[in-house]
Amino acid sequence: MSLKGIELQIAIPKTFDAGKVVEQQQQHITNQQMHANEALKREVERQQTIVNETEGLMNIDGDEEKKREQEREEQQRKKKLELAKKKAKHPFKGNFVDFSG
């Protein structure tokens, strides 16, 4: 299959155009990969900081748990005081039994 001069005049510039298009596509793919890598790095850094923040929140949860425990102890102490008051002897109730009746 031989090419004539006119056909070469059309084919050669088209190969240059095709080469430029392929080069642009390769650059586009390279740029996309670079952007994906940068996005991945940012995501990893964000996740690392989130872990650090949640560790701080775990300490807060511990403080809240201590507060709840103190409140429970306070409520138990109040209940014990109320029971003690109920068990205390009344000045005249139950001290004298009248059998004369």
Protein backbone atom coordinates (compact mmCIF):
# COMPACT_ATOMS: atom_id res chain seq x y z
CA MET A 1 0.00 0.00 0.00
CA SER A 2 1.77 3.07 -1.20
CA LEU A 3 0.82 6.57 -0.23
CA LYS A 4 0.64 9.33 -2.74
CA GLY A 5 2.00 12.83 -2.14
CA ILE A 6 -1.43 14.33 -1.52
CA GLU A 7 -2.24 11.65 1.01
CA LEU A 8 1.03 12.33 2.82
CA GLN A 9 0.18 16.02 2.95
CA ILE A 10 -2.95 15.14 4.92
CA ALA A 11 -1.59 12.20 6.96
CA ILE A 12 1.56 13.80 8.39
CA PRO A 13 -0.12 16.84 10.01
CA LYS A 14 -2.82 14.56 11.40
CA THR A 15 -0.20 12.40 13.11
CA PHE A 16 1.22 15.50 14.79
CA ASP A 17 -2.26 16.48 15.92
CA ALA A 18 -2.90 12.97 17.17
CA GLY A 19 0.41 13.02 19.06
CA LYS A 20 -0.53 16.32 20.71
CA VAL A 21 -3.89 14.91 21.77
CA VAL A 22 -2.25 11.79 23.26
CA GLU A 23 0.28 13.95 25.12
CA GLN A 24 -2.50 16.14 26.51
CA GLN A 25 -4.41 13.08 27.69
CA GLN A 26 -1.32 11.73 29.43
CA GLN A 27 -0.73 15.08 31.14
CA HIS A 28 -4.38 15.17 32.17
CA ILE A 29 -4.10 11.67 33.68
CA THR A 30 -0.89 12.66 35.51
CA ASN A 31 -2.59 15.78 36.89
CA GLN A 32 -5.57 13.74 38.06
CA GLN A 33 -3.26 11.32 39.87
CA MET A 34 -1.43 14.19 41.56
CA HIS A 35 -4.72 15.72 42.70
CA ALA A 36 -5.92 12.34 43.96
CA ASN A 37 -2.69 11.91 45.95
CA GLU A 38 -3.05 15.38 47.47
CA ALA A 39 -6.66 14.67 48.39
CA LEU A 40 -5.63 11.39 49.98
CA LYS A 41 -2.91 13.13 52.01
CA ARG A 42 -5.40 15.74 53.23
CA GLU A 43 -7.88 13.02 54.18
CA VAL A 44 -5.23 11.10 56.12
CA GLU A 45 -4.20 14.25 57.99
CA ARG A 46 -7.84 15.05 58.75
CA GLN A 47 -8.43 11.56 60.09
CA GLN A 48 -5.31 11.80 62.24
CA THR A 49 -6.52 15.04 63.80
CA ILE A 50 -9.98 13.58 64.35
CA VAL A 51 -8.44 10.73 66.33
CA ASN A 52 -6.58 13.23 68.50
CA GLU A 53 -9.75 15.22 69.04
CA THR A 54 -11.73 12.16 70.07
CA GLU A 55 -9.03 11.24 72.57
CA GLY A 56 -9.66 14.61 74.15
CA LEU A 57 -13.38 13.90 74.12
CA MET A 58 -12.79 10.60 75.87
CA ASN A 59 -11.30 12.54 78.78
CA ILE A 60 -14.42 14.68 78.88
CA ASP A 61 -16.54 11.54 79.00
CA GLY A 62 -14.47 10.36 81.95
CA ASP A 63 -15.10 13.65 83.73
CA GLU A 64 -18.81 13.36 83.07
CA GLU A 65 -18.77 9.82 84.36
CA LYS A 66 -17.09 11.01 87.57
CA LYS A 67 -19.74 13.69 87.94
CA ARG A 68 -22.53 11.15 87.47
CA GLU A 69 -20.93 8.87 90.05
CA GLN A 70 -20.70 11.75 92.51
CA GLU A 71 -24.36 12.60 91.88
CA ARG A 72 -25.35 8.96 92.51
CA GLU A 73 -23.37 8.95 95.77
CA GLU A 74 -25.05 12.21 96.79
CA GLN A 75 -28.49 10.75 96.07
CA GLN A 76 -27.69 7.61 98.06
CA ARG A 77 -26.48 9.71 100.96
CA LYS A 78 -29.71 11.75 100.88
CA LYS A 79 -31.79 8.56 100.84
CA LYS A 80 -29.89 7.24 103.84
CA LEU A 81 -30.53 10.50 105.71
CA GLU A 82 -34.24 10.29 104.90
CA LEU A 83 -34.39 6.68 106.09
CA ALA A 84 -32.56 7.63 109.25
CA LYS A 85 -35.07 10.42 109.89
CA LYS A 86 -37.96 8.02 109.36
CA LYS A 87 -36.46 5.49 111.75
CA ALA A 88 -35.88 8.10 114.46
CA LYS A 89 -38.23 7.74 117.45
CA HIS A 90 -41.13 10.07 117.70
CA PRO A 91 -41.36 11.92 121.04
CA PHE A 92 -44.72 10.43 122.05
CA LYS A 93 -45.79 7.94 119.37
CA GLY A 94 -45.10 4.33 120.29
CA ASN A 95 -43.61 5.08 123.70
CA PHE A 96 -46.67 4.34 125.83
CA VAL A 97 -49.24 1.59 125.34
CA ASP A 98 -52.59 2.05 127.06
CA PHE A 99 -53.94 -1.34 128.18
CA SER A 100 -56.89 0.05 130.00
CA GLY A 101 -59.40 -0.16 127.45
